[in-house]
Structures are given as structure tokens and as C-alpha cells.
N, C-alpha and C. Protein backbone atom coordinates (compact mmCIF):
# COMPACT_ATOMS: atom_id res chain seq x y z
N MET A 1 63.16 81.82 140.96
CA MET A 1 63.95 82.24 139.86
C MET A 1 63.86 83.73 139.66
N LYS A 2 64.99 84.18 139.39
CA LYS A 2 65.07 85.61 139.13
C LYS A 2 64.89 85.87 137.66
N LYS A 3 64.19 86.90 137.39
CA LYS A 3 64.04 87.29 136.00
C LYS A 3 65.22 88.14 135.57
N GLU A 4 65.67 87.85 134.37
CA GLU A 4 66.79 88.64 133.84
C GLU A 4 66.26 89.95 133.27
N LYS A 5 67.01 90.96 133.57
CA LYS A 5 66.63 92.27 133.03
C LYS A 5 67.33 92.46 131.70
N ARG A 6 66.58 92.84 130.77
CA ARG A 6 67.16 93.15 129.45
C ARG A 6 67.33 94.64 129.34
N SER A 7 68.49 95.01 128.84
CA SER A 7 68.71 96.44 128.61
C SER A 7 68.47 96.74 127.13
N PHE A 8 67.81 97.81 126.91
CA PHE A 8 67.51 98.21 125.54
C PHE A 8 68.41 99.34 125.07
N GLY A 9 69.53 99.55 125.63
CA GLY A 9 70.47 100.60 125.22
C GLY A 9 71.19 100.21 123.94
N LEU A 10 71.99 101.12 123.46
CA LEU A 10 72.75 100.87 122.26
C LEU A 10 73.89 99.93 122.56
N SER A 11 74.04 98.99 121.71
CA SER A 11 75.15 98.06 121.91
C SER A 11 76.34 98.50 121.07
N ILE A 12 77.43 97.81 121.18
CA ILE A 12 78.65 98.17 120.46
C ILE A 12 78.44 98.09 118.95
N GLY A 13 77.71 97.17 118.45
CA GLY A 13 77.45 97.00 117.03
C GLY A 13 76.67 98.17 116.44
N SER A 14 75.71 98.66 117.17
CA SER A 14 74.90 99.79 116.70
C SER A 14 75.73 101.06 116.58
N SER A 15 76.58 101.31 117.54
CA SER A 15 77.40 102.52 117.48
C SER A 15 78.41 102.43 116.34
N SER A 16 78.91 101.24 116.04
CA SER A 16 79.84 101.07 114.92
C SER A 16 79.14 101.37 113.60
N ILE A 17 77.93 100.90 113.44
CA ILE A 17 77.15 101.17 112.22
C ILE A 17 76.89 102.66 112.09
N LEU A 18 76.57 103.33 113.18
CA LEU A 18 76.34 104.76 113.17
C LEU A 18 77.60 105.53 112.76
N VAL A 19 78.75 105.13 113.28
CA VAL A 19 80.02 105.77 112.93
C VAL A 19 80.33 105.56 111.45
N ILE A 20 80.12 104.36 110.97
CA ILE A 20 80.36 104.08 109.54
C ILE A 20 79.43 104.93 108.67
N PHE A 21 78.17 105.07 109.05
CA PHE A 21 77.22 105.89 108.30
C PHE A 21 77.65 107.36 108.27
N VAL A 22 78.10 107.89 109.39
CA VAL A 22 78.57 109.28 109.46
C VAL A 22 79.80 109.48 108.59
N VAL A 23 80.74 108.53 108.62
CA VAL A 23 81.95 108.63 107.80
C VAL A 23 81.59 108.60 106.32
N LEU A 24 80.65 107.73 105.94
CA LEU A 24 80.20 107.68 104.54
C LEU A 24 79.54 108.99 104.12
N CYS A 25 78.72 109.56 104.99
CA CYS A 25 78.08 110.85 104.68
C CYS A 25 79.12 111.94 104.51
N LEU A 26 80.08 112.01 105.40
CA LEU A 26 81.12 113.03 105.31
C LEU A 26 81.97 112.85 104.04
N THR A 27 82.27 111.61 103.70
CA THR A 27 83.04 111.33 102.48
C THR A 27 82.25 111.76 101.24
N THR A 28 80.96 111.48 101.23
CA THR A 28 80.11 111.87 100.10
C THR A 28 80.06 113.39 99.97
N PHE A 29 79.86 114.09 101.07
CA PHE A 29 79.82 115.56 101.01
C PHE A 29 81.17 116.15 100.61
N ALA A 30 82.26 115.55 101.07
CA ALA A 30 83.58 116.03 100.68
C ALA A 30 83.81 115.84 99.18
N THR A 31 83.38 114.70 98.65
CA THR A 31 83.50 114.45 97.21
C THR A 31 82.66 115.43 96.40
N LEU A 32 81.44 115.67 96.84
CA LEU A 32 80.58 116.64 96.16
C LEU A 32 81.18 118.04 96.21
N SER A 33 81.77 118.41 97.31
CA SER A 33 82.42 119.72 97.44
C SER A 33 83.60 119.83 96.48
N LEU A 34 84.38 118.76 96.36
CA LEU A 34 85.53 118.75 95.45
C LEU A 34 85.07 118.86 94.00
N VAL A 35 84.05 118.12 93.63
CA VAL A 35 83.53 118.19 92.26
C VAL A 35 82.99 119.59 91.96
N SER A 36 82.29 120.16 92.90
CA SER A 36 81.75 121.51 92.72
C SER A 36 82.87 122.55 92.60
N ALA A 37 83.91 122.42 93.40
CA ALA A 37 85.03 123.35 93.33
C ALA A 37 85.76 123.24 91.99
N ARG A 38 85.93 122.02 91.49
CA ARG A 38 86.56 121.85 90.18
C ARG A 38 85.71 122.45 89.07
N ALA A 39 84.41 122.27 89.14
CA ALA A 39 83.52 122.85 88.13
C ALA A 39 83.58 124.38 88.17
N ASP A 40 83.60 124.95 89.37
CA ASP A 40 83.72 126.40 89.51
C ASP A 40 85.05 126.90 88.97
N ASP A 41 86.13 126.15 89.20
CA ASP A 41 87.45 126.52 88.69
C ASP A 41 87.47 126.51 87.16
N LYS A 42 86.89 125.46 86.56
CA LYS A 42 86.83 125.39 85.10
C LYS A 42 86.01 126.54 84.53
N LEU A 43 84.89 126.84 85.16
CA LEU A 43 84.03 127.92 84.68
C LEU A 43 84.72 129.28 84.81
N SER A 44 85.41 129.51 85.90
CA SER A 44 86.10 130.79 86.07
C SER A 44 87.26 130.91 85.08
N GLN A 45 87.96 129.80 84.79
CA GLN A 45 89.04 129.83 83.80
C GLN A 45 88.47 130.10 82.40
N LYS A 46 87.35 129.47 82.08
CA LYS A 46 86.71 129.69 80.78
C LYS A 46 86.24 131.15 80.66
N THR A 47 85.70 131.70 81.73
CA THR A 47 85.27 133.10 81.73
C THR A 47 86.45 134.04 81.57
N ALA A 48 87.55 133.75 82.24
CA ALA A 48 88.75 134.58 82.12
C ALA A 48 89.31 134.52 80.70
N ASP A 49 89.34 133.33 80.11
CA ASP A 49 89.82 133.19 78.73
C ASP A 49 88.92 133.94 77.77
N ALA A 50 87.62 133.89 77.99
CA ALA A 50 86.68 134.60 77.12
C ALA A 50 86.87 136.12 77.25
N ALA A 51 87.11 136.60 78.45
CA ALA A 51 87.35 138.04 78.65
C ALA A 51 88.63 138.48 77.96
N VAL A 52 89.68 137.67 78.06
CA VAL A 52 90.95 138.00 77.40
C VAL A 52 90.75 138.03 75.89
N SER A 53 90.05 137.03 75.34
CA SER A 53 89.79 136.99 73.90
C SER A 53 88.94 138.17 73.46
N TYR A 54 87.93 138.50 74.24
CA TYR A 54 87.04 139.61 73.88
C TYR A 54 87.82 140.92 73.80
N TYR A 55 88.62 141.22 74.80
CA TYR A 55 89.33 142.49 74.81
C TYR A 55 90.47 142.52 73.80
N ALA A 56 91.09 141.38 73.54
CA ALA A 56 92.11 141.33 72.49
C ALA A 56 91.48 141.56 71.13
N LEU A 57 90.30 141.00 70.92
CA LEU A 57 89.59 141.20 69.66
C LEU A 57 89.13 142.65 69.51
N ASP A 58 88.65 143.23 70.58
CA ASP A 58 88.23 144.63 70.54
C ASP A 58 89.42 145.54 70.24
N ALA A 59 90.57 145.25 70.82
CA ALA A 59 91.78 146.04 70.54
C ALA A 59 92.21 145.88 69.09
N ALA A 60 92.09 144.67 68.54
CA ALA A 60 92.42 144.45 67.13
C ALA A 60 91.47 145.23 66.23
N GLY A 61 90.20 145.28 66.61
CA GLY A 61 89.22 146.06 65.84
C GLY A 61 89.54 147.55 65.89
N GLU A 62 89.95 148.04 67.04
CA GLU A 62 90.31 149.45 67.16
C GLU A 62 91.55 149.78 66.33
N ARG A 63 92.54 148.86 66.32
CA ARG A 63 93.72 149.05 65.47
C ARG A 63 93.34 149.11 63.99
N MET A 64 92.46 148.19 63.60
CA MET A 64 92.01 148.16 62.21
C MET A 64 91.25 149.43 61.87
N LEU A 65 90.44 149.92 62.77
CA LEU A 65 89.70 151.16 62.55
C LEU A 65 90.65 152.34 62.41
N SER A 66 91.69 152.37 63.21
CA SER A 66 92.69 153.43 63.10
C SER A 66 93.41 153.37 61.75
N ASP A 67 93.78 152.15 61.33
CA ASP A 67 94.43 151.98 60.02
C ASP A 67 93.50 152.40 58.89
N LEU A 68 92.23 152.04 59.02
CA LEU A 68 91.25 152.39 58.00
C LEU A 68 91.03 153.90 57.94
N SER A 69 91.00 154.54 59.09
CA SER A 69 90.84 156.00 59.13
C SER A 69 92.02 156.69 58.45
N ALA A 70 93.23 156.19 58.70
CA ALA A 70 94.41 156.76 58.03
C ALA A 70 94.35 156.52 56.53
N LEU A 71 93.85 155.37 56.12
CA LEU A 71 93.70 155.07 54.69
C LEU A 71 92.71 156.02 54.03
N LEU A 72 91.61 156.30 54.73
CA LEU A 72 90.62 157.22 54.18
C LEU A 72 91.20 158.62 54.00
N GLU A 73 92.04 159.03 54.92
CA GLU A 73 92.66 160.36 54.80
C GLU A 73 93.59 160.42 53.59
N LYS A 74 94.34 159.34 53.35
CA LYS A 74 95.27 159.32 52.22
C LYS A 74 94.55 159.18 50.90
N ALA A 75 93.46 158.42 50.87
CA ALA A 75 92.76 158.12 49.61
C ALA A 75 91.70 159.14 49.25
N ARG A 76 91.57 160.17 50.06
CA ARG A 76 90.51 161.17 49.80
C ARG A 76 90.82 161.93 48.51
N PRO A 77 89.90 161.89 47.56
CA PRO A 77 90.13 162.64 46.32
C PRO A 77 89.85 164.13 46.52
N ALA A 78 90.10 164.87 45.50
CA ALA A 78 89.81 166.31 45.55
C ALA A 78 88.31 166.51 45.71
N GLN A 79 87.94 167.63 46.31
CA GLN A 79 86.53 167.87 46.59
C GLN A 79 85.70 168.03 45.33
N SER A 80 86.33 168.36 44.23
CA SER A 80 85.58 168.61 43.01
C SER A 80 85.17 167.34 42.29
N GLN A 81 85.66 166.20 42.71
CA GLN A 81 85.32 164.97 42.01
C GLN A 81 83.89 164.54 42.30
N ASP A 82 83.30 163.83 41.37
CA ASP A 82 81.93 163.37 41.54
C ASP A 82 81.88 162.08 42.36
N ALA A 83 80.67 161.61 42.63
CA ALA A 83 80.49 160.45 43.50
C ALA A 83 81.12 159.19 42.91
N ALA A 84 81.04 159.03 41.59
CA ALA A 84 81.60 157.82 40.96
C ALA A 84 83.12 157.79 41.12
N ALA A 85 83.77 158.94 40.97
CA ALA A 85 85.23 158.99 41.13
C ALA A 85 85.62 158.73 42.59
N CYS A 86 84.85 159.28 43.52
CA CYS A 86 85.11 159.04 44.95
C CYS A 86 84.95 157.57 45.28
N ARG A 87 83.88 156.98 44.76
CA ARG A 87 83.63 155.56 45.03
C ARG A 87 84.75 154.70 44.46
N THR A 88 85.17 154.98 43.23
CA THR A 88 86.25 154.21 42.62
C THR A 88 87.54 154.35 43.41
N ALA A 89 87.84 155.57 43.84
CA ALA A 89 89.06 155.79 44.63
C ALA A 89 89.01 155.02 45.95
N LEU A 90 87.86 155.04 46.59
CA LEU A 90 87.73 154.32 47.86
C LEU A 90 87.79 152.82 47.66
N GLU A 91 87.14 152.30 46.63
CA GLU A 91 87.18 150.86 46.36
C GLU A 91 88.60 150.41 46.04
N ASN A 92 89.35 151.22 45.28
CA ASN A 92 90.75 150.89 44.97
C ASN A 92 91.60 150.90 46.24
N ALA A 93 91.35 151.87 47.10
CA ALA A 93 92.11 151.95 48.35
C ALA A 93 91.78 150.76 49.25
N LEU A 94 90.51 150.38 49.32
CA LEU A 94 90.11 149.25 50.16
C LEU A 94 90.64 147.92 49.60
N ALA A 95 90.77 147.85 48.26
CA ALA A 95 91.31 146.62 47.66
C ALA A 95 92.75 146.39 48.10
N GLY A 96 93.50 147.47 48.28
CA GLY A 96 94.88 147.35 48.72
C GLY A 96 95.05 147.44 50.22
N PHE A 97 93.95 147.60 50.95
CA PHE A 97 94.02 147.75 52.41
C PHE A 97 94.33 146.41 53.05
N GLU A 98 95.40 146.38 53.81
CA GLU A 98 95.78 145.17 54.52
C GLU A 98 95.97 145.50 55.99
N SER A 99 95.33 144.71 56.80
CA SER A 99 95.49 144.82 58.23
C SER A 99 95.73 143.41 58.74
N PRO A 100 96.67 143.22 59.66
CA PRO A 100 96.96 141.86 60.10
C PRO A 100 95.79 141.17 60.78
N ASP A 101 94.81 141.92 61.19
CA ASP A 101 93.69 141.34 61.92
C ASP A 101 92.49 141.02 61.04
N LEU A 102 92.47 141.53 59.81
CA LEU A 102 91.32 141.31 58.93
C LEU A 102 91.30 139.89 58.39
N THR A 103 90.11 139.42 58.05
CA THR A 103 89.98 138.12 57.41
C THR A 103 90.38 138.24 55.95
N GLU A 104 90.35 137.11 55.26
CA GLU A 104 90.75 137.09 53.86
C GLU A 104 89.85 137.95 52.98
N ASP A 105 88.60 138.12 53.39
CA ASP A 105 87.65 138.92 52.60
C ASP A 105 88.02 140.38 52.56
N GLY A 106 88.77 140.85 53.53
CA GLY A 106 89.15 142.25 53.59
C GLY A 106 87.97 143.14 53.95
N ALA A 107 88.09 144.39 53.59
CA ALA A 107 87.03 145.36 53.84
C ALA A 107 86.36 145.68 52.51
N ARG A 108 85.03 145.74 52.53
CA ARG A 108 84.34 146.02 51.27
C ARG A 108 83.36 147.17 51.45
N LEU A 109 83.24 147.94 50.40
CA LEU A 109 82.38 149.12 50.39
C LEU A 109 81.02 148.75 49.83
N THR A 110 79.97 149.25 50.48
CA THR A 110 78.61 149.08 49.99
C THR A 110 77.97 150.46 49.94
N VAL A 111 77.36 150.76 48.82
CA VAL A 111 76.62 152.02 48.68
C VAL A 111 75.14 151.67 48.71
N LEU A 112 74.43 152.18 49.70
CA LEU A 112 73.02 151.87 49.87
C LEU A 112 72.17 152.73 48.94
N GLU A 113 70.90 152.36 48.82
CA GLU A 113 69.98 153.08 47.94
C GLU A 113 69.77 154.53 48.37
N ASP A 114 69.85 154.78 49.68
CA ASP A 114 69.66 156.14 50.17
C ASP A 114 70.92 156.98 50.08
N GLY A 115 71.99 156.44 49.49
CA GLY A 115 73.21 157.19 49.29
C GLY A 115 74.23 157.06 50.40
N ARG A 116 73.95 156.25 51.42
CA ARG A 116 74.90 156.06 52.52
C ARG A 116 76.01 155.12 52.07
N TRP A 117 77.24 155.43 52.47
CA TRP A 117 78.40 154.60 52.15
C TRP A 117 78.80 153.85 53.41
N GLN A 118 78.86 152.52 53.30
CA GLN A 118 79.20 151.69 54.44
C GLN A 118 80.35 150.76 54.09
N ILE A 119 81.20 150.54 55.08
CA ILE A 119 82.31 149.59 54.93
C ILE A 119 82.05 148.46 55.91
N PHE A 120 82.11 147.23 55.39
CA PHE A 120 81.89 146.05 56.22
C PHE A 120 83.16 145.22 56.22
N CYS A 121 83.57 144.74 57.39
CA CYS A 121 84.74 143.87 57.50
C CYS A 121 84.59 142.98 58.72
N VAL A 122 85.41 141.93 58.74
CA VAL A 122 85.39 140.97 59.84
C VAL A 122 86.81 140.78 60.33
N VAL A 123 86.99 140.87 61.64
CA VAL A 123 88.27 140.62 62.29
C VAL A 123 88.16 139.27 62.99
N ARG A 124 89.14 138.40 62.76
CA ARG A 124 89.08 137.05 63.34
C ARG A 124 90.37 136.74 64.09
N GLN A 125 90.22 136.02 65.21
CA GLN A 125 91.38 135.57 65.97
C GLN A 125 91.58 134.07 65.78
N GLU A 126 92.75 133.59 66.17
CA GLU A 126 93.05 132.16 66.01
C GLU A 126 92.14 131.28 66.85
N ASP A 127 91.65 131.79 67.98
CA ASP A 127 90.83 130.96 68.84
C ASP A 127 89.36 130.89 68.40
N GLY A 128 89.04 131.48 67.25
CA GLY A 128 87.70 131.36 66.69
C GLY A 128 86.79 132.56 66.95
N TRP A 129 87.17 133.48 67.80
CA TRP A 129 86.36 134.67 68.05
C TRP A 129 86.41 135.57 66.83
N THR A 130 85.29 136.20 66.49
CA THR A 130 85.23 137.14 65.37
C THR A 130 84.57 138.44 65.81
N LEU A 131 84.95 139.50 65.13
CA LEU A 131 84.36 140.82 65.36
C LEU A 131 83.82 141.31 64.03
N GLN A 132 82.51 141.49 63.96
CA GLN A 132 81.87 141.99 62.75
C GLN A 132 81.72 143.50 62.88
N ILE A 133 82.21 144.22 61.86
CA ILE A 133 82.22 145.68 61.92
C ILE A 133 81.53 146.23 60.67
N CYS A 134 80.64 147.18 60.88
CA CYS A 134 80.03 147.93 59.78
C CYS A 134 80.15 149.41 60.13
N LEU A 135 80.79 150.15 59.23
CA LEU A 135 81.06 151.57 59.47
C LEU A 135 80.37 152.42 58.42
N ASP A 136 79.87 153.56 58.83
CA ASP A 136 79.28 154.53 57.91
C ASP A 136 80.33 155.61 57.66
N VAL A 137 80.79 155.71 56.42
CA VAL A 137 81.83 156.68 56.05
C VAL A 137 81.29 157.75 55.13
N THR A 138 79.98 157.93 55.10
CA THR A 138 79.35 158.88 54.17
C THR A 138 79.86 160.29 54.39
N GLU A 139 79.74 160.78 55.62
CA GLU A 139 80.11 162.18 55.89
C GLU A 139 81.62 162.37 55.81
N ARG A 140 82.36 161.39 56.30
CA ARG A 140 83.82 161.55 56.36
C ARG A 140 84.46 161.45 55.00
N TYR A 141 83.93 160.60 54.14
CA TYR A 141 84.60 160.36 52.87
C TYR A 141 83.87 160.99 51.69
N TRP A 142 82.62 160.61 51.48
CA TRP A 142 81.91 161.07 50.29
C TRP A 142 81.58 162.56 50.38
N GLN A 143 81.10 163.01 51.55
CA GLN A 143 80.77 164.42 51.71
C GLN A 143 81.99 165.24 52.10
N ASN A 144 83.14 164.57 52.27
CA ASN A 144 84.44 165.22 52.48
C ASN A 144 84.47 166.13 53.70
N GLN A 145 83.87 165.70 54.79
CA GLN A 145 83.91 166.46 56.04
C GLN A 145 85.02 165.89 56.91
N LYS A 146 86.11 166.63 57.02
CA LYS A 146 87.29 166.12 57.73
C LYS A 146 87.03 165.92 59.21
N ASP A 147 86.16 166.72 59.80
CA ASP A 147 85.90 166.60 61.23
C ASP A 147 84.86 165.52 61.57
N ALA A 148 84.19 165.00 60.55
CA ALA A 148 83.14 164.01 60.79
C ALA A 148 83.77 162.69 61.25
N SER A 149 83.10 162.07 62.17
CA SER A 149 83.61 160.79 62.67
C SER A 149 83.08 159.65 61.80
N ILE A 150 83.75 158.54 61.92
CA ILE A 150 83.28 157.34 61.24
C ILE A 150 82.26 156.70 62.18
N ALA A 151 81.03 156.59 61.72
CA ALA A 151 79.96 156.06 62.57
C ALA A 151 80.02 154.54 62.61
N ARG A 152 79.96 154.00 63.81
CA ARG A 152 79.94 152.55 64.00
C ARG A 152 78.49 152.07 64.00
N LEU A 153 78.11 151.41 62.93
CA LEU A 153 76.76 150.88 62.86
C LEU A 153 76.67 149.49 63.48
N LEU A 154 77.76 148.73 63.38
CA LEU A 154 77.81 147.39 63.93
C LEU A 154 79.20 147.13 64.47
N TRP A 155 79.26 146.67 65.69
CA TRP A 155 80.52 146.30 66.34
C TRP A 155 80.18 145.09 67.21
N LYS A 156 80.09 143.93 66.57
CA LYS A 156 79.53 142.75 67.23
C LYS A 156 80.60 141.67 67.39
N THR A 157 80.82 141.26 68.63
CA THR A 157 81.75 140.18 68.93
C THR A 157 80.99 138.87 68.96
N VAL A 158 81.51 137.89 68.22
CA VAL A 158 80.86 136.59 68.12
C VAL A 158 81.82 135.52 68.64
N PRO A 159 81.43 134.80 69.70
CA PRO A 159 82.32 133.75 70.22
C PRO A 159 82.34 132.56 69.28
N PRO A 160 83.34 131.70 69.43
CA PRO A 160 83.37 130.51 68.56
C PRO A 160 82.20 129.60 68.87
N GLU A 161 81.75 128.92 67.83
CA GLU A 161 80.62 128.00 68.04
C GLU A 161 81.12 126.75 68.74
N GLU A 162 80.36 126.35 69.74
CA GLU A 162 80.70 125.13 70.45
C GLU A 162 80.05 123.97 69.72
N THR A 163 80.83 122.93 69.49
CA THR A 163 80.28 121.77 68.80
C THR A 163 79.52 120.92 69.80
N MET A 164 78.37 120.46 69.38
CA MET A 164 77.54 119.62 70.24
C MET A 164 77.39 118.26 69.56
N ASP A 165 77.40 117.23 70.36
CA ASP A 165 77.22 115.89 69.83
C ASP A 165 75.73 115.68 69.60
N GLU A 166 75.33 115.68 68.34
CA GLU A 166 73.91 115.53 68.02
C GLU A 166 73.49 114.08 67.95
N ALA A 167 74.44 113.16 67.95
CA ALA A 167 74.09 111.75 67.86
C ALA A 167 73.48 111.23 69.16
N GLY A 168 73.70 111.94 70.26
CA GLY A 168 73.25 111.46 71.55
C GLY A 168 71.77 111.63 71.80
N MET A 169 71.11 112.56 71.12
CA MET A 169 69.71 112.82 71.40
C MET A 169 68.92 112.81 70.09
N PRO A 170 67.93 111.96 69.98
CA PRO A 170 67.12 111.96 68.76
C PRO A 170 66.25 113.21 68.71
N VAL A 171 66.22 113.82 67.56
CA VAL A 171 65.44 115.03 67.37
C VAL A 171 64.32 114.73 66.39
N PHE A 172 63.14 115.23 66.68
CA PHE A 172 61.99 115.01 65.82
C PHE A 172 62.20 115.66 64.48
N GLN A 173 62.03 114.91 63.43
CA GLN A 173 62.06 115.42 62.07
C GLN A 173 60.75 115.01 61.41
N PRO A 174 60.03 115.95 60.80
CA PRO A 174 58.75 115.57 60.19
C PRO A 174 58.88 114.47 59.14
N GLY A 175 60.00 114.37 58.46
CA GLY A 175 60.18 113.34 57.44
C GLY A 175 60.38 111.95 58.02
N ASN A 176 60.57 111.84 59.32
CA ASN A 176 60.80 110.54 59.95
C ASN A 176 59.51 109.82 60.34
N LEU A 177 58.37 110.43 60.12
CA LEU A 177 57.12 109.79 60.50
C LEU A 177 56.76 108.67 59.52
N PRO A 178 56.27 107.57 60.06
CA PRO A 178 55.83 106.49 59.15
C PRO A 178 54.56 106.89 58.42
N ILE A 179 54.48 106.48 57.20
CA ILE A 179 53.30 106.81 56.39
C ILE A 179 52.33 105.63 56.47
N GLY A 180 51.05 105.93 56.65
CA GLY A 180 50.06 104.86 56.62
C GLY A 180 49.44 104.70 57.89
């Protein structure tokens, strides 16, 4: 009797399983690449929208600053007036100051203890971005120096707050501990 030789090579079934495994791996990597590309596209679109909003808000702030500077020139009292008369004139002018970019609060004057005069206002856009502005107008208005610039103490852009679902994650609160 002759002994049968067994071959230990790959059979047709093994190569089919290998091909199926390779196709599954390629499909998985293709899906991951597509998901990653979509996430990158969304992030780049969000970044572009944020840049457009930021620069539009900055331009609105500059327009408001220009309008405010023109208002200060018109509302400047005579140099002989005292500080109380200057302050009243400026407050009256700011009460009537309207800029399409300002919030409902308008611009308000604050006189600090050290004698500095500051104007604070907020510019808001429809998409929720805000620009907080604080200006020092002491030299330009109260000290009546026409060449003095309006000092920018605060020029802060604040993006809209993103809402987060707080119901999904329990947060430790000291009042939630059982007593006893």
C-alpha cells in the first residue's frame, strides 16, 4: 500500500477567508477616513464662521468707536466749565448716543475714584458674539486735549456660550451625600 501524501498548503477556503478579511479591513479604514474627513470639514467650517463673526464684530466696534469719537467732539463743553458740568454734558450726550451695533444698555460713563473717566459699552451680534469695550476718555474729554487719543482699556471678544447637556453626567454636589 502506498501512503497518501498530504499537502499542507493553503486551500481555496483559506484564501477566500483571507480575501474577505482584507476587504473588511479596507472597508473599515475607508469608513474611518470618511468620518475623519467629515469631522475636519465641520471643524474648518466652524472655524471659518468664527473668524467671520470675530472680524465683523471688530469692525462694528470700530464703527461704534468712530461714532463715539465724533459725539465727544460735538458734546465737548467750553474749556472754562468745571468737572461737574463736563460730566453732565457727557452723560447727556451718551444718553442720546445711538449706534446700530450697541446693546440696549448703550454706553455709560463711570468716573473712578482717581479721577479717570471711562466709558463702558457692549456690542452684540445676532449670532451671540459680543464685544466688551472700556475706553478711557479722561485726557480727550475732561482735560480737553484735542490731540489725545481715546485709550482702549478693554476690547474683549466673547463667543456665544455653547449649551451642554448636563443631564448626561452626574456631578458631585456636597448636598447629595447621605447623612448618617
